[in-house]
Amino acid sequence: MVRGTRLKDKVAIVTGSGSGIGKAAAIHFASQGAKVVCADINLESASKTVALISSIKGLAHSVRADVSNQQSSLRMVAETIEHFGKVEILYANAGIHLPGSLVNTRLQDWEHVMSINLAGVWLSNQAVIPQMLNQGYGSIINQSSISALCGFPGSAAYAASKGAIVSLTRQAAIEYAKRGIRINAICPGAINTPLLAKRYEQRMDGNEHLPSLGKETSRNAAKKYPMKQIGSADDVAHMAVFLASDESRWITGAIFPVDGGYTAA
């Protein structure tokens, strides 16, 4: 892990930091000098990420947060301020995927996906913005997906939630641009994470829960991408570090595909 100072002494919250992209981003933020609050509904997983950050001599604190719950989101921010004194970066990354076409998606599944993917981003943003307004600055990174930009069969609720995040990001960016708060979104393509592995299990009716895609499945998925490979959590984390840093000081309301060229094809 390359260490640097791009986020030196900044305080960041990363939701969904117990695994996948959130875990990678939390570690990369810490490696660049940030103090990181690792928020996840699974406190044990968040604490493991904190331990990894500690092993590289970074500073981190774990918080159990249900991003779909307003009070939980407010507590997450309050605990961050109590522990580190401020919050300058939010990476609203937490999300889930449940399969289903427009017709066969169950209402309960639709509502569950929306409560985490969309309401979770909204509530996380809502909880952190008052503190950023008091400071006069801040960077928010919302996690969308190339599902917001392209059609994919069998992902109606997921695609709708991620498309709404793009619109919410643009709206909020314009609303708070004059107040020093930058708000951008990342749209990852296929990233070799537990979430993607679970999606492939669902397609194949598999019962085995895997932490990542197997080599053959990964090769098949890569064929759809111009660069002929799928991404890693680190690929997305590098973009998040850039958007969190002062290097992106004149960027807001932007949507960044990190997708091996998929949306350009």
Protein backbone atom coordinates (compact mmCIF):
# COMPACT_ATOMS: atom_id res chain seq x y z
CA MET A 1 0.00 0.00 0.00
CA VAL A 2 1.50 3.31 -1.11
CA ARG A 3 1.35 5.91 1.63
CA GLY A 4 0.88 9.60 0.90
CA THR A 5 -0.49 12.89 2.15
CA ARG A 6 -3.29 13.66 -0.32
CA LEU A 7 -5.87 13.52 2.51
CA LYS A 8 -3.58 14.47 5.38
CA ASP A 9 -5.52 15.25 8.59
CA LYS A 10 -8.91 15.15 6.84
CA VAL A 11 -11.77 13.24 8.48
CA ALA A 12 -13.80 10.86 6.33
CA ILE A 13 -16.84 8.66 6.77
CA VAL A 14 -17.14 5.62 4.52
CA THR A 15 -20.44 3.73 4.66
CA GLY A 16 -20.49 0.06 3.79
CA SER A 17 -16.82 -0.12 4.71
CA GLY A 18 -16.94 -3.67 6.03
CA SER A 19 -16.28 -5.19 2.61
CA GLY A 20 -15.74 -4.58 -1.08
CA ILE A 21 -15.33 -1.06 -2.42
CA GLY A 22 -16.06 0.59 0.92
CA LYS A 23 -13.36 -1.43 2.64
CA ALA A 24 -10.82 -0.60 -0.08
CA ALA A 25 -11.73 3.10 0.00
CA ALA A 26 -11.41 3.30 3.79
CA ILE A 27 -7.94 1.76 3.61
CA HIS A 28 -6.85 4.03 0.74
CA PHE A 29 -8.20 7.12 2.53
CA ALA A 30 -6.23 6.18 5.64
CA SER A 31 -3.10 5.47 3.59
CA GLN A 32 -3.33 9.05 2.30
CA GLY A 33 -3.46 10.49 5.81
CA ALA A 34 -7.20 10.68 6.52
CA LYS A 35 -8.80 9.78 9.82
CA VAL A 36 -11.54 7.36 8.82
CA VAL A 37 -14.83 6.37 10.39
CA CYS A 38 -15.68 2.92 9.07
CA ALA A 39 -19.47 2.68 9.12
CA ASP A 40 -21.33 -0.52 8.38
CA ILE A 41 -24.48 -2.27 9.51
CA ASN A 42 -22.16 -5.13 10.47
CA LEU A 43 -20.00 -3.68 13.23
CA GLU A 44 -17.71 -6.70 13.28
CA SER A 45 -16.86 -6.24 9.60
CA ALA A 46 -16.27 -2.51 10.10
CA SER A 47 -13.99 -3.28 13.05
CA LYS A 48 -11.94 -5.65 10.88
CA THR A 49 -11.39 -2.83 8.41
CA VAL A 50 -10.29 -0.60 11.29
CA ALA A 51 -7.80 -3.31 12.32
CA LEU A 52 -6.36 -3.39 8.79
CA ILE A 53 -6.00 0.39 8.86
CA SER A 54 -4.30 0.20 12.23
CA SER A 55 -1.86 -2.34 10.80
CA ILE A 56 -0.64 0.32 8.33
CA LYS A 57 -0.44 2.83 11.19
CA GLY A 58 -3.56 4.68 10.09
CA LEU A 59 -6.26 6.18 12.30
CA ALA A 60 -9.79 4.77 12.15
CA HIS A 61 -12.89 4.21 14.24
CA SER A 62 -15.75 1.77 13.63
CA VAL A 63 -19.44 2.66 13.90
CA ARG A 64 -22.51 0.52 13.40
CA ALA A 65 -24.77 2.41 11.02
CA ASP A 66 -28.02 1.49 9.30
CA VAL A 67 -28.02 4.06 6.51
CA SER A 68 -31.72 3.44 5.82
CA ASN A 69 -32.54 4.80 9.29
CA GLN A 70 -32.45 8.57 9.82
CA GLN A 71 -31.51 8.45 13.49
CA SER A 72 -28.75 5.94 12.82
CA SER A 73 -27.30 8.20 10.11
CA LEU A 74 -27.40 11.19 12.44
CA ARG A 75 -25.67 9.17 15.19
CA MET A 76 -22.98 8.13 12.69
CA VAL A 77 -22.13 11.76 12.01
CA ALA A 78 -22.40 12.78 15.66
CA GLU A 79 -20.02 10.00 16.70
CA THR A 80 -17.58 11.01 13.98
CA ILE A 81 -17.52 14.60 15.27
CA GLU A 82 -17.23 13.40 18.86
CA HIS A 83 -14.31 11.13 17.98
CA PHE A 84 -12.40 13.23 15.44
CA GLY A 85 -13.82 16.75 15.89
CA LYS A 86 -15.08 17.30 12.33
CA VAL A 87 -16.12 15.54 9.12
CA GLU A 88 -14.88 16.72 5.73
CA ILE A 89 -15.50 13.72 3.49
CA LEU A 90 -18.45 11.37 3.06
CA TYR A 91 -18.29 8.37 0.78
CA ALA A 92 -21.90 7.15 0.67
CA ASN A 93 -21.05 3.71 -0.62
CA ALA A 94 -23.38 1.28 1.18
CA GLY A 95 -25.69 -0.59 -1.16
CA ILE A 96 -27.34 -3.89 -2.01
CA HIS A 97 -28.65 -5.70 -5.09
CA LEU A 98 -31.77 -7.85 -5.30
CA PRO A 99 -32.65 -9.46 -8.65
CA GLY A 100 -35.88 -8.94 -10.55
CA SER A 101 -37.26 -7.58 -13.81
CA LEU A 102 -39.69 -4.68 -13.83
CA VAL A 103 -42.63 -7.10 -13.79
CA ASN A 104 -41.45 -9.75 -11.37
CA THR A 105 -39.71 -7.60 -8.75
CA ARG A 106 -41.58 -7.99 -5.48
CA LEU A 107 -42.74 -4.81 -3.78
CA GLN A 108 -40.90 -5.72 -0.59
CA ASP A 109 -37.66 -6.19 -2.54
CA TRP A 110 -38.15 -2.88 -4.37
CA GLU A 111 -38.70 -1.04 -1.09
CA HIS A 112 -35.73 -2.74 0.57
CA VAL A 113 -33.35 -1.81 -2.25
CA MET A 114 -34.63 1.77 -2.32
CA SER A 115 -34.35 2.11 1.47
CA ILE A 116 -30.63 1.32 1.41
CA ASN A 117 -29.36 2.37 -2.02
CA LEU A 118 -31.34 5.59 -2.45
CA ALA A 119 -32.72 6.63 0.94
CA GLY A 120 -29.42 5.55 2.50
CA VAL A 121 -27.47 7.94 0.29
CA TRP A 122 -30.00 10.73 0.86
CA LEU A 123 -29.98 10.27 4.65
CA SER A 124 -26.18 10.06 4.83
CA ASN A 125 -25.88 13.27 2.79
CA GLN A 126 -28.61 14.93 4.85
CA ALA A 127 -26.86 14.03 8.11
CA VAL A 128 -23.43 15.31 7.12
CA ILE A 129 -24.26 18.49 5.18
CA PRO A 130 -25.14 20.68 8.21
CA GLN A 131 -21.67 20.05 9.66
CA MET A 132 -20.06 20.80 6.30
CA LEU A 133 -22.08 24.01 6.03
CA ASN A 134 -20.78 25.07 9.46
CA GLN A 135 -17.22 24.38 8.31
CA GLY A 136 -17.77 26.02 4.95
CA TYR A 137 -16.45 23.09 2.94
CA GLY A 138 -16.69 19.37 2.34
CA SER A 139 -16.60 16.64 -0.30
CA ILE A 140 -19.38 14.08 -0.73
CA ILE A 141 -19.00 11.07 -3.01
CA ASN A 142 -22.15 9.11 -3.77
CA GLN A 143 -21.96 5.57 -5.07
CA SER A 144 -24.03 4.97 -8.18
CA SER A 145 -23.42 2.36 -10.89
CA ILE A 146 -23.21 1.97 -14.65
CA SER A 147 -26.69 0.47 -14.16
CA ALA A 148 -27.76 4.12 -13.91
CA LEU A 149 -26.37 4.76 -17.39
CA CYS A 150 -27.06 1.50 -19.25
CA GLY A 151 -29.83 -1.07 -19.26
CA PHE A 152 -29.20 -4.47 -17.67
CA PRO A 153 -31.82 -7.24 -17.53
CA GLY A 154 -32.95 -8.46 -14.13
CA SER A 155 -31.98 -5.40 -12.08
CA ALA A 156 -35.04 -3.13 -12.08
CA ALA A 157 -34.92 -1.95 -8.47
CA TYR A 158 -31.13 -1.66 -8.42
CA ALA A 159 -30.99 0.32 -11.69
CA ALA A 160 -33.78 2.64 -10.59
CA SER A 161 -32.08 3.33 -7.26
CA LYS A 162 -28.71 4.02 -8.88
CA GLY A 163 -30.26 6.25 -11.55
CA ALA A 164 -31.94 8.30 -8.84
CA ILE A 165 -28.59 8.72 -7.09
CA VAL A 166 -27.21 10.39 -10.23
CA SER A 167 -30.09 12.87 -10.26
CA LEU A 168 -29.89 13.48 -6.51
CA THR A 169 -26.14 14.10 -6.77
CA ARG A 170 -26.58 16.71 -9.50
CA GLN A 171 -29.42 18.43 -7.64
CA ALA A 172 -27.50 18.58 -4.36
CA ALA A 173 -24.28 19.69 -6.06
CA ILE A 174 -26.01 22.72 -7.54
CA GLU A 175 -27.83 23.46 -4.30
CA TYR A 176 -24.65 23.60 -2.20
CA ALA A 177 -21.99 24.66 -4.74
CA LYS A 178 -21.92 28.24 -3.42
CA ARG A 179 -21.50 26.96 0.14
CA GLY A 180 -18.22 25.12 -0.47
CA ILE A 181 -19.61 21.58 -0.58
CA ARG A 182 -18.71 19.44 -3.59
CA ILE A 183 -20.92 16.45 -4.41
CA ASN A 184 -20.01 13.92 -7.09
CA ALA A 185 -20.92 10.35 -7.99
CA ILE A 186 -18.96 7.29 -9.07
CA CYS A 187 -20.52 4.71 -11.40
CA PRO A 188 -18.52 1.49 -11.16
CA GLY A 189 -18.82 -1.28 -13.70
CA ALA A 190 -18.25 -4.92 -12.78
CA ILE A 191 -16.00 -4.91 -9.72
CA ASN A 192 -14.76 -8.17 -8.23
CA THR A 193 -16.39 -7.84 -4.81
CA PRO A 194 -18.69 -9.97 -2.62
CA LEU A 195 -21.67 -8.01 -3.99
CA LEU A 196 -20.86 -8.95 -7.58
CA ALA A 197 -20.19 -12.55 -6.59
CA LYS A 198 -23.61 -12.66 -4.93
CA ARG A 199 -25.25 -11.29 -8.09
CA TYR A 200 -23.74 -14.09 -10.14
CA GLU A 201 -24.83 -16.64 -7.53
CA GLN A 202 -28.38 -15.30 -7.83
CA ARG A 203 -28.32 -15.64 -11.60
CA MET A 204 -27.11 -19.22 -11.36
CA ASP A 205 -29.26 -20.14 -8.34
CA GLY A 206 -26.10 -20.98 -6.45
CA ASN A 207 -26.09 -21.79 -2.76
CA GLU A 208 -22.40 -21.23 -2.08
CA HIS A 209 -21.50 -17.74 -0.84
CA LEU A 210 -18.18 -16.61 -2.27
CA PRO A 211 -16.06 -13.56 -1.36
CA SER A 212 -15.19 -12.93 -5.03
CA LEU A 213 -15.73 -14.27 -8.52
CA GLY A 214 -13.95 -17.42 -9.64
CA LYS A 215 -11.39 -17.15 -12.44
CA GLU A 216 -13.66 -18.61 -15.13
CA THR A 217 -16.65 -16.45 -14.18
CA SER A 218 -14.38 -13.41 -14.02
CA ARG A 219 -13.03 -14.13 -17.51
CA ASN A 220 -16.55 -14.48 -18.91
CA ALA A 221 -17.65 -11.20 -17.32
CA ALA A 222 -14.55 -9.45 -18.65
CA LYS A 223 -15.48 -10.25 -22.26
CA LYS A 224 -18.22 -7.60 -22.12
CA TYR A 225 -15.71 -4.84 -21.36
CA PRO A 226 -13.54 -3.06 -23.96
CA MET A 227 -10.49 -3.43 -21.73
CA LYS A 228 -11.24 -7.19 -21.43
CA GLN A 229 -11.01 -7.23 -17.67
CA ILE A 230 -13.27 -6.43 -14.77
CA GLY A 231 -12.28 -3.92 -12.15
CA SER A 232 -11.02 -4.23 -8.60
CA ALA A 233 -12.21 -2.39 -5.52
CA ASP A 234 -8.90 -0.53 -5.58
CA ASP A 235 -9.73 0.90 -9.03
CA VAL A 236 -12.81 2.60 -7.60
CA ALA A 237 -11.04 3.59 -4.39
CA HIS A 238 -8.42 5.52 -6.38
CA MET A 239 -11.19 7.61 -7.96
CA ALA A 240 -12.74 8.18 -4.54
CA VAL A 241 -9.41 9.43 -3.17
CA PHE A 242 -9.18 11.93 -6.04
CA LEU A 243 -12.72 13.21 -5.46
CA ALA A 244 -12.12 13.44 -1.70
CA SER A 245 -8.89 15.39 -2.16
CA ASP A 246 -8.26 19.04 -2.93
CA GLU A 247 -7.05 17.96 -6.37
CA SER A 248 -10.72 17.92 -7.43
CA ARG A 249 -11.49 21.32 -5.88
CA TRP A 250 -13.24 22.60 -9.06
CA ILE A 251 -15.31 19.49 -9.70
CA THR A 252 -18.88 19.12 -8.51
CA GLY A 253 -22.05 17.58 -9.89
CA ALA A 254 -19.98 15.22 -12.03
CA ILE A 255 -20.66 11.56 -12.72
CA PHE A 256 -17.59 9.35 -13.14
CA PRO A 257 -17.88 5.89 -14.75
CA VAL A 258 -15.10 3.57 -13.59
CA ASP A 259 -15.92 0.79 -15.98
CA GLY A 260 -13.13 -0.29 -18.29
CA GLY A 261 -14.74 1.59 -21.17
CA TYR A 262 -18.15 -0.12 -20.95
CA THR A 263 -20.27 3.03 -21.22
CA ALA A 264 -18.12 4.38 -24.06
CA ALA A 265 -18.69 1.35 -26.29
